[in-house]
Amino acid sequence: MTTVRAEALHALVSQVCEKLGTPREQADLVAGTLVGSNLCGFDSHGVFRLAQYRDWIAQGLLKPANVPVVASERGFAVRVDGRQAFGQVVATFATRLAIAKALRDGIAAVTAYNSNHVGRLADYAGAIKDAGLIGLVMVNDSGSGQCVVPWGGVDPRLATNPLAMGIPGEATPGILFDFATSTAASGKIRQLLLQGQAAPAGWLVDAAGKDTTDPAVLFTDPKGALLPFGGHKGYALSLAIEVLSGILSGSGFSRPDPGPEEMNGLFLLALNPEWFMPAEEFRRQVDQLIAYIKSARPRPGGGPVLVPGEPDRVEAERRSREGIPLNARTVETLRQVCRTVGVDSKALDGIGE
C-alpha cells in the first residue's frame, strides 16, 4: 500500500486529464471529484477510474473538451444535453442550474442525458445542501451496466442505480447520504477483486443464482450479479430510478439492446425549504432532529450513533492529515496512464517512501 498526499494526487490527475485533451478548469474539476472520493474512503469512485476515462476517450465515448448545454427548459424543469462530456462536468453544470432555479422559484427538476460517468453523487447532493436547499440526485446507466438481479430473479436486469440526498442544518453540517440500490457499487466489487479479497456474504450470486463471495463473478463469463440491497426494497428504488433517470431524461432504460454502459442518465431535484417555512427555523429543526437521533445509546461494543455524512467527513479529515492509501494495482495502473500521456508520476512514490 502506498500513501499519497491529496494535493499531489490532485495535481497529478489534473495534469493527466489536461494531457488527454481536457481544458484546465474541467481537468481540475474532474481531479477534485476523483481525489475527493478517495479522501472520503470511496475508493471505488476515486482515481483508479482514470484508466477507464483514458480508454473511453480513445473509443470516442468520452469527449473531454465538450461542455454540456441546456436542451430545453420549461417552468421548473430543465433538460441538459451532456454532449458526451465528463460526467462530473455535466453533473456540476446540472447542479448549478438546479440551485439557481430553486433559489429563485422554490423548486427545480433537472435531467441530463449524453453524460459520461458522473462519479460520487454526494458531491452534487452536498452542493445543493450547502446552498441551503434539499437535494435529491440519482443516476442509471442509460439501460446498460446490467449487473443487478431483480428481486427473486437470476438474470441481471438493472444497474447499481445509486441515489443521494442532502439536507442542510444550521449549526451542524446537516444530513448527506449516497448509496447504490444494490448491495454494493460495482466499483467496490472491482476494488475487492484487485485487492484479492472476498466479498461479504449476501452481496453476490453466480450465473446460476447461487450465493458466492467471489468478486470475479461480476467480470467473467458466465457473469454473476449483485443483489438489490434490502431485497424488494432496493429493487423497488432501482426501478424508480430507471424511470426518473432513464425514461424521464431520455437517456435510456434497462432493455435488451441498451447503449454504451458509460452513459449515465441523471435526475436532480432541488427544493427550497424557505417556500414552506422560514429557512433558519427549518435548519434549526433539522439540527434538533440530528441531536435527538445521536442521543440514542450505542449498542454494546459499538461506537457513538452517527448520522449519514459524518463517517465520510471523519475519514476525509483523517486522510487529509495522513494521506490517501492506494493499493499496488491502482498505483501501477496510474503510472501506466502517466507513461501513456507523458506525465511524471513521481507523486505516486508516496509519503516518506
Protein backbone atom coordinates (compact mmCIF):
# COMPACT_ATOMS: atom_id res chain seq x y z
CA MET A 1 0.00 0.00 0.00
CA THR A 2 1.31 3.44 -0.98
CA THR A 3 0.19 6.62 0.81
CA VAL A 4 -0.04 9.79 -1.28
CA ARG A 5 -0.81 13.38 -0.30
CA ALA A 6 -4.20 14.55 -1.60
CA GLU A 7 -2.72 17.75 -3.06
CA ALA A 8 -0.05 15.85 -5.00
CA LEU A 9 -2.57 13.33 -6.28
CA HIS A 10 -4.95 16.09 -7.36
CA ALA A 11 -2.19 17.86 -9.30
CA LEU A 12 -1.19 14.61 -10.99
CA VAL A 13 -4.72 13.63 -12.03
CA SER A 14 -5.47 17.14 -13.27
CA GLN A 15 -2.30 17.13 -15.37
CA VAL A 16 -3.20 13.75 -16.88
CA CYS A 17 -6.70 14.99 -17.74
CA GLU A 18 -5.21 18.01 -19.49
CA LYS A 19 -2.90 15.77 -21.50
CA LEU A 20 -5.97 13.78 -22.53
CA GLY A 21 -7.45 16.93 -24.07
CA THR A 22 -9.41 18.38 -21.15
CA PRO A 23 -9.42 22.16 -20.60
CA ARG A 24 -7.71 23.13 -17.35
CA GLU A 25 -10.82 24.20 -15.43
CA GLN A 26 -12.61 20.97 -16.30
CA ALA A 27 -9.49 18.93 -15.57
CA ASP A 28 -9.30 20.43 -12.08
CA LEU A 29 -12.98 19.69 -11.51
CA VAL A 30 -12.63 16.04 -12.55
CA ALA A 31 -9.47 15.64 -10.47
CA GLY A 32 -11.20 17.20 -7.47
CA THR A 33 -14.12 14.79 -7.60
CA LEU A 34 -11.92 11.71 -8.08
CA VAL A 35 -9.48 12.60 -5.30
CA GLY A 36 -12.37 13.77 -3.13
CA SER A 37 -13.91 10.31 -3.41
CA ASN A 38 -10.64 8.75 -2.25
CA LEU A 39 -10.47 11.22 0.64
CA CYS A 40 -13.90 10.16 1.87
CA GLY A 41 -12.97 6.48 1.60
CA PHE A 42 -14.99 5.87 -1.58
CA ASP A 43 -12.03 4.40 -3.47
CA SER A 44 -14.45 2.70 -5.88
CA HIS A 45 -15.20 6.17 -7.32
CA GLY A 46 -11.67 7.51 -6.98
CA VAL A 47 -8.54 7.89 -9.06
CA PHE A 48 -8.48 4.29 -10.26
CA ARG A 49 -11.22 5.39 -12.70
CA LEU A 50 -8.66 7.46 -14.63
CA ALA A 51 -7.61 4.48 -16.76
CA GLN A 52 -11.25 3.90 -17.71
CA TYR A 53 -11.61 7.53 -18.74
CA ARG A 54 -8.49 7.30 -20.90
CA ASP A 55 -9.90 4.21 -22.63
CA TRP A 56 -13.30 5.79 -23.17
CA ILE A 57 -11.67 8.85 -24.73
CA ALA A 58 -9.75 6.57 -27.10
CA GLN A 59 -13.00 4.79 -28.00
CA GLY A 60 -14.83 8.06 -28.66
CA LEU A 61 -17.30 7.50 -25.80
CA LEU A 62 -15.98 10.46 -23.81
CA LYS A 63 -15.34 13.89 -25.36
CA PRO A 64 -13.02 15.59 -22.84
CA ALA A 65 -13.22 19.11 -24.32
CA ASN A 66 -17.01 19.16 -24.64
CA VAL A 67 -19.29 21.13 -22.34
CA PRO A 68 -22.98 20.44 -21.63
CA VAL A 69 -25.80 22.67 -22.83
CA VAL A 70 -29.42 23.27 -21.90
CA ALA A 71 -31.51 21.29 -24.38
CA SER A 72 -34.88 22.57 -23.15
CA GLU A 73 -36.37 24.49 -20.24
CA ARG A 74 -39.95 24.89 -19.13
CA GLY A 75 -41.08 26.22 -15.77
CA PHE A 76 -39.18 24.41 -13.01
CA ALA A 77 -37.91 21.70 -15.40
CA VAL A 78 -34.61 21.72 -17.29
CA ARG A 79 -33.24 19.08 -19.64
CA VAL A 80 -29.46 19.03 -20.21
CA ASP A 81 -27.57 17.51 -23.13
CA GLY A 82 -24.22 16.40 -21.73
CA ARG A 83 -22.71 16.12 -25.22
CA GLN A 84 -20.62 13.12 -24.03
CA ALA A 85 -18.57 15.37 -21.75
CA PHE A 86 -17.03 14.20 -18.49
CA GLY A 87 -19.92 13.16 -16.27
CA GLN A 88 -18.56 15.27 -13.42
CA VAL A 89 -18.71 18.33 -15.66
CA VAL A 90 -22.27 17.51 -16.75
CA ALA A 91 -23.47 16.84 -13.20
CA THR A 92 -21.84 20.03 -11.88
CA PHE A 93 -23.50 22.05 -14.67
CA ALA A 94 -26.88 20.46 -13.88
CA THR A 95 -26.40 21.04 -10.15
CA ARG A 96 -25.66 24.73 -10.61
CA LEU A 97 -28.76 25.10 -12.77
CA ALA A 98 -30.87 23.36 -10.14
CA ILE A 99 -29.54 25.53 -7.32
CA ALA A 100 -30.11 28.79 -9.18
CA LYS A 101 -33.62 27.86 -10.23
CA ALA A 102 -34.66 26.52 -6.79
CA LEU A 103 -33.34 29.61 -5.01
CA ARG A 104 -35.42 31.74 -7.36
CA ASP A 105 -38.52 29.61 -7.96
CA GLY A 106 -38.64 27.28 -4.97
CA ILE A 107 -38.12 24.02 -6.85
CA ALA A 108 -36.10 22.70 -9.75
CA ALA A 109 -36.01 19.35 -11.52
CA VAL A 110 -33.09 18.80 -13.89
CA THR A 111 -32.36 15.77 -16.05
CA ALA A 112 -29.31 15.07 -18.19
CA TYR A 113 -28.52 12.65 -20.98
CA ASN A 114 -25.38 12.00 -23.06
CA SER A 115 -23.40 12.17 -19.83
CA ASN A 116 -20.38 10.04 -19.04
CA HIS A 117 -19.71 8.55 -15.58
CA VAL A 118 -20.69 11.25 -13.04
CA GLY A 119 -18.81 9.77 -10.07
CA ARG A 120 -19.85 10.16 -6.46
CA LEU A 121 -23.38 11.57 -6.20
CA ALA A 122 -22.77 13.03 -2.75
CA ASP A 123 -20.70 15.76 -4.42
CA TYR A 124 -23.81 17.13 -6.11
CA ALA A 125 -26.34 16.46 -3.34
CA GLY A 126 -23.82 18.07 -0.98
CA ALA A 127 -23.52 21.17 -3.16
CA ILE A 128 -27.31 21.56 -3.17
CA LYS A 129 -27.36 21.08 0.62
CA ASP A 130 -24.61 23.66 1.12
CA ALA A 131 -26.73 26.16 -0.83
CA GLY A 132 -29.41 25.80 1.86
CA LEU A 133 -31.61 23.55 -0.26
CA ILE A 134 -32.84 19.97 -0.06
CA GLY A 135 -31.23 17.96 -2.83
CA LEU A 136 -32.06 14.58 -4.34
CA VAL A 137 -29.77 13.10 -7.02
CA MET A 138 -29.91 9.76 -8.83
CA VAL A 139 -28.44 8.10 -11.92
CA ASN A 140 -28.88 4.99 -14.01
CA ASP A 141 -26.59 3.61 -16.74
CA SER A 142 -28.91 4.54 -19.62
CA GLY A 143 -30.12 0.94 -19.63
CA SER A 144 -26.71 -0.68 -19.77
CA GLY A 145 -24.41 -1.84 -16.97
CA GLN A 146 -26.95 -4.52 -16.08
CA CYS A 147 -25.26 -6.30 -13.17
CA VAL A 148 -28.04 -6.46 -10.57
CA VAL A 149 -30.77 -9.09 -10.45
CA PRO A 150 -34.38 -8.09 -9.84
CA TRP A 151 -35.72 -9.37 -6.55
CA GLY A 152 -36.46 -13.09 -6.96
CA GLY A 153 -34.63 -13.33 -10.29
CA VAL A 154 -31.40 -14.90 -11.54
CA ASP A 155 -30.66 -12.86 -14.66
CA PRO A 156 -29.26 -9.32 -14.19
CA ARG A 157 -31.66 -6.67 -15.44
CA LEU A 158 -30.68 -3.46 -13.59
CA ALA A 159 -27.60 -1.34 -12.96
CA THR A 160 -26.46 -0.35 -9.46
CA ASN A 161 -28.61 2.80 -9.79
CA PRO A 162 -27.38 4.97 -6.88
CA LEU A 163 -29.15 7.87 -5.22
CA ALA A 164 -28.02 10.62 -2.85
CA MET A 165 -29.76 13.20 -0.70
CA GLY A 166 -28.56 16.31 1.07
CA ILE A 167 -30.44 18.21 3.80
CA PRO A 168 -28.97 21.40 5.31
CA GLY A 169 -28.55 22.06 9.01
CA GLU A 170 -27.94 25.30 10.88
CA ALA A 171 -25.10 24.67 13.37
CA THR A 172 -24.48 21.15 12.02
CA PRO A 173 -23.46 20.08 8.50
CA GLY A 174 -26.90 18.52 8.13
CA ILE A 175 -27.56 15.12 6.56
CA LEU A 176 -25.89 13.67 3.46
CA PHE A 177 -26.17 10.13 2.14
CA ASP A 178 -25.19 8.36 -1.06
CA PHE A 179 -25.67 4.68 -1.78
CA ALA A 180 -26.29 2.19 -4.56
CA THR A 181 -29.61 0.36 -4.69
CA SER A 182 -27.59 -2.84 -5.00
CA THR A 183 -25.75 -4.40 -2.06
CA ALA A 184 -22.62 -2.54 -3.24
CA ALA A 185 -21.38 -0.42 -6.12
CA SER A 186 -19.80 -2.41 -8.94
CA GLY A 187 -16.63 -0.34 -8.48
CA LYS A 188 -16.40 -1.60 -4.91
CA ILE A 189 -16.56 -5.19 -6.17
CA ARG A 190 -13.79 -4.41 -8.65
CA GLN A 191 -11.70 -2.99 -5.80
CA LEU A 192 -12.15 -6.22 -3.84
CA LEU A 193 -11.07 -8.20 -6.89
CA LEU A 194 -7.96 -6.05 -7.39
CA GLN A 195 -7.05 -6.46 -3.72
CA GLY A 196 -7.59 -10.23 -3.77
CA GLN A 197 -10.34 -10.02 -1.15
CA ALA A 198 -13.63 -11.91 -0.90
CA ALA A 199 -16.93 -10.07 -0.98
CA PRO A 200 -19.16 -10.22 2.10
CA ALA A 201 -21.78 -12.95 2.10
CA GLY A 202 -25.12 -11.83 0.70
CA TRP A 203 -23.72 -9.43 -1.88
CA LEU A 204 -23.29 -11.62 -4.96
CA VAL A 205 -24.77 -14.57 -6.81
CA ASP A 206 -23.13 -16.61 -9.56
CA ALA A 207 -24.60 -17.19 -13.03
CA ALA A 208 -26.80 -19.97 -11.63
CA GLY A 209 -28.20 -17.69 -8.93
CA LYS A 210 -26.25 -19.32 -6.09
CA ASP A 211 -24.71 -17.23 -3.32
CA THR A 212 -20.98 -16.55 -3.71
CA THR A 213 -18.28 -14.35 -2.18
CA ASP A 214 -16.05 -14.40 -5.28
CA PRO A 215 -15.91 -10.85 -6.74
CA ALA A 216 -14.65 -12.24 -10.08
CA VAL A 217 -18.14 -13.49 -10.97
CA LEU A 218 -19.15 -9.94 -11.82
CA PHE A 219 -16.46 -9.60 -14.52
CA THR A 220 -16.05 -13.09 -16.05
CA ASP A 221 -18.32 -15.17 -18.29
CA PRO A 222 -20.78 -16.55 -17.49
CA LYS A 223 -21.42 -13.48 -15.38
CA GLY A 224 -22.86 -13.46 -11.91
CA ALA A 225 -24.65 -10.47 -10.44
CA LEU A 226 -25.17 -8.23 -7.45
CA LEU A 227 -28.29 -8.49 -5.31
CA PRO A 228 -30.52 -5.47 -4.60
CA PHE A 229 -29.99 -4.14 -1.08
CA GLY A 230 -32.76 -4.94 1.36
CA GLY A 231 -34.33 -7.36 -1.10
CA HIS A 232 -37.50 -5.98 -2.63
CA LYS A 233 -36.86 -2.50 -1.15
CA GLY A 234 -33.67 -1.82 -3.10
CA TYR A 235 -35.27 -3.41 -6.15
CA ALA A 236 -38.25 -1.04 -5.98
CA LEU A 237 -35.99 2.01 -5.58
CA SER A 238 -33.90 0.87 -8.53
CA LEU A 239 -36.98 0.65 -10.74
CA ALA A 240 -37.98 4.18 -9.72
CA ILE A 241 -34.51 5.42 -10.67
CA GLU A 242 -34.79 3.73 -14.07
CA VAL A 243 -37.94 5.80 -14.64
CA LEU A 244 -36.67 9.16 -13.35
CA SER A 245 -33.05 8.98 -14.53
CA GLY A 246 -33.56 6.85 -17.62
CA ILE A 247 -37.01 7.31 -19.12
CA LEU A 248 -37.69 10.89 -18.00
CA SER A 249 -34.26 12.15 -19.10
CA GLY A 250 -34.43 10.36 -22.43
CA SER A 251 -31.05 8.72 -21.80
CA GLY A 252 -32.41 5.16 -21.92
CA PHE A 253 -33.58 2.46 -19.53
CA SER A 254 -32.99 -1.24 -18.90
CA ARG A 255 -33.89 -3.23 -22.02
CA PRO A 256 -32.40 -5.95 -24.25
CA ASP A 257 -30.48 -3.58 -26.55
CA PRO A 258 -29.07 -0.70 -24.44
CA GLY A 259 -26.42 1.80 -25.45
CA PRO A 260 -22.88 2.22 -24.06
CA GLU A 261 -22.53 1.46 -20.36
CA GLU A 262 -20.52 4.64 -19.82
CA MET A 263 -23.51 6.93 -20.35
CA ASN A 264 -25.32 7.99 -17.16
CA GLY A 265 -28.90 9.23 -17.09
CA LEU A 266 -29.17 11.90 -14.39
CA PHE A 267 -32.07 13.26 -12.34
CA LEU A 268 -31.71 16.08 -9.79
CA LEU A 269 -34.33 17.69 -7.61
CA ALA A 270 -33.63 20.84 -5.58
CA LEU A 271 -36.24 22.10 -3.12
CA ASN A 272 -36.11 25.41 -1.26
CA PRO A 273 -37.43 24.91 2.31
CA GLU A 274 -37.98 28.67 2.60
CA TRP A 275 -41.09 28.27 0.44
CA PHE A 276 -42.62 26.21 3.25
CA MET A 277 -41.25 27.83 6.42
CA PRO A 278 -38.52 30.26 7.48
CA ALA A 279 -35.21 28.79 6.30
CA GLU A 280 -33.48 29.32 9.67
CA GLU A 281 -36.26 27.55 11.51
CA PHE A 282 -36.11 24.61 9.10
CA ARG A 283 -32.36 24.22 9.60
CA ARG A 284 -32.69 24.54 13.38
CA GLN A 285 -35.29 21.78 13.45
CA VAL A 286 -33.01 19.58 11.33
CA ASP A 287 -30.31 20.15 13.95
CA GLN A 288 -32.77 19.24 16.70
CA LEU A 289 -33.64 16.04 14.87
CA ILE A 290 -29.96 15.17 14.47
CA ALA A 291 -29.23 15.86 18.15
CA TYR A 292 -32.09 13.65 19.27
CA ILE A 293 -31.08 10.78 16.98
CA LYS A 294 -27.47 10.98 18.16
CA SER A 295 -28.57 10.89 21.80
CA ALA A 296 -29.52 7.21 21.43
CA ARG A 297 -27.36 4.85 23.46
CA PRO A 298 -24.88 2.95 21.26
CA ARG A 299 -25.12 -0.81 21.08
CA PRO A 300 -22.67 -2.68 23.31
CA GLY A 301 -19.25 -2.71 21.74
CA GLY A 302 -20.24 -0.11 19.16
CA GLY A 303 -19.23 3.49 18.67
CA PRO A 304 -21.42 6.58 19.00
CA VAL A 305 -24.54 6.95 16.88
CA LEU A 306 -23.72 8.93 13.75
CA VAL A 307 -25.90 10.50 11.08
CA PRO A 308 -25.30 9.95 7.35
CA GLY A 309 -22.38 12.06 6.14
CA GLU A 310 -20.45 12.02 9.41
CA PRO A 311 -18.29 8.94 8.69
CA ASP A 312 -17.27 10.40 5.32
CA ARG A 313 -16.21 13.70 6.91
CA VAL A 314 -14.21 11.92 9.60
CA GLU A 315 -12.42 9.79 7.03
CA ALA A 316 -11.73 12.80 4.79
CA GLU A 317 -10.18 14.66 7.71
CA ARG A 318 -8.00 11.66 8.58
CA ARG A 319 -6.82 11.08 5.01
CA SER A 320 -6.17 14.80 4.57
CA ARG A 321 -3.75 14.58 7.50
CA GLU A 322 -2.24 11.17 6.88
CA GLY A 323 -2.51 10.80 3.11
CA ILE A 324 -4.58 8.66 0.76
CA PRO A 325 -3.77 4.92 0.70
CA LEU A 326 -3.57 3.41 -2.79
CA ASN A 327 -3.16 -0.30 -3.40
CA ALA A 328 -0.32 -1.56 -5.61
CA ARG A 329 -2.62 -2.33 -8.56
CA THR A 330 -4.06 1.19 -8.55
CA VAL A 331 -0.59 2.76 -8.33
CA GLU A 332 0.73 0.70 -11.22
CA THR A 333 -2.36 1.48 -13.33
CA LEU A 334 -1.92 5.20 -12.67
CA ARG A 335 1.78 5.00 -13.56
CA GLN A 336 0.87 3.31 -16.82
CA VAL A 337 -1.63 6.07 -17.65
CA CYS A 338 1.01 8.68 -16.83
CA ARG A 339 3.51 6.98 -19.16
CA THR A 340 0.89 6.90 -21.91
CA VAL A 341 0.40 10.68 -21.84
CA GLY A 342 3.94 11.70 -20.83
CA VAL A 343 3.32 12.87 -17.26
CA ASP A 344 5.89 12.40 -14.48
CA SER A 345 4.41 10.01 -11.90
CA LYS A 346 6.82 10.86 -9.07
CA ALA A 347 3.88 11.93 -6.90
CA LEU A 348 2.94 8.24 -6.68
CA ASP A 349 6.19 7.41 -4.89
CA GLY A 350 4.27 8.12 -1.70
CA ILE A 351 4.92 9.84 1.61
CA GLY A 352 8.34 9.04 3.01
CA GLU A 353 8.94 6.21 0.55
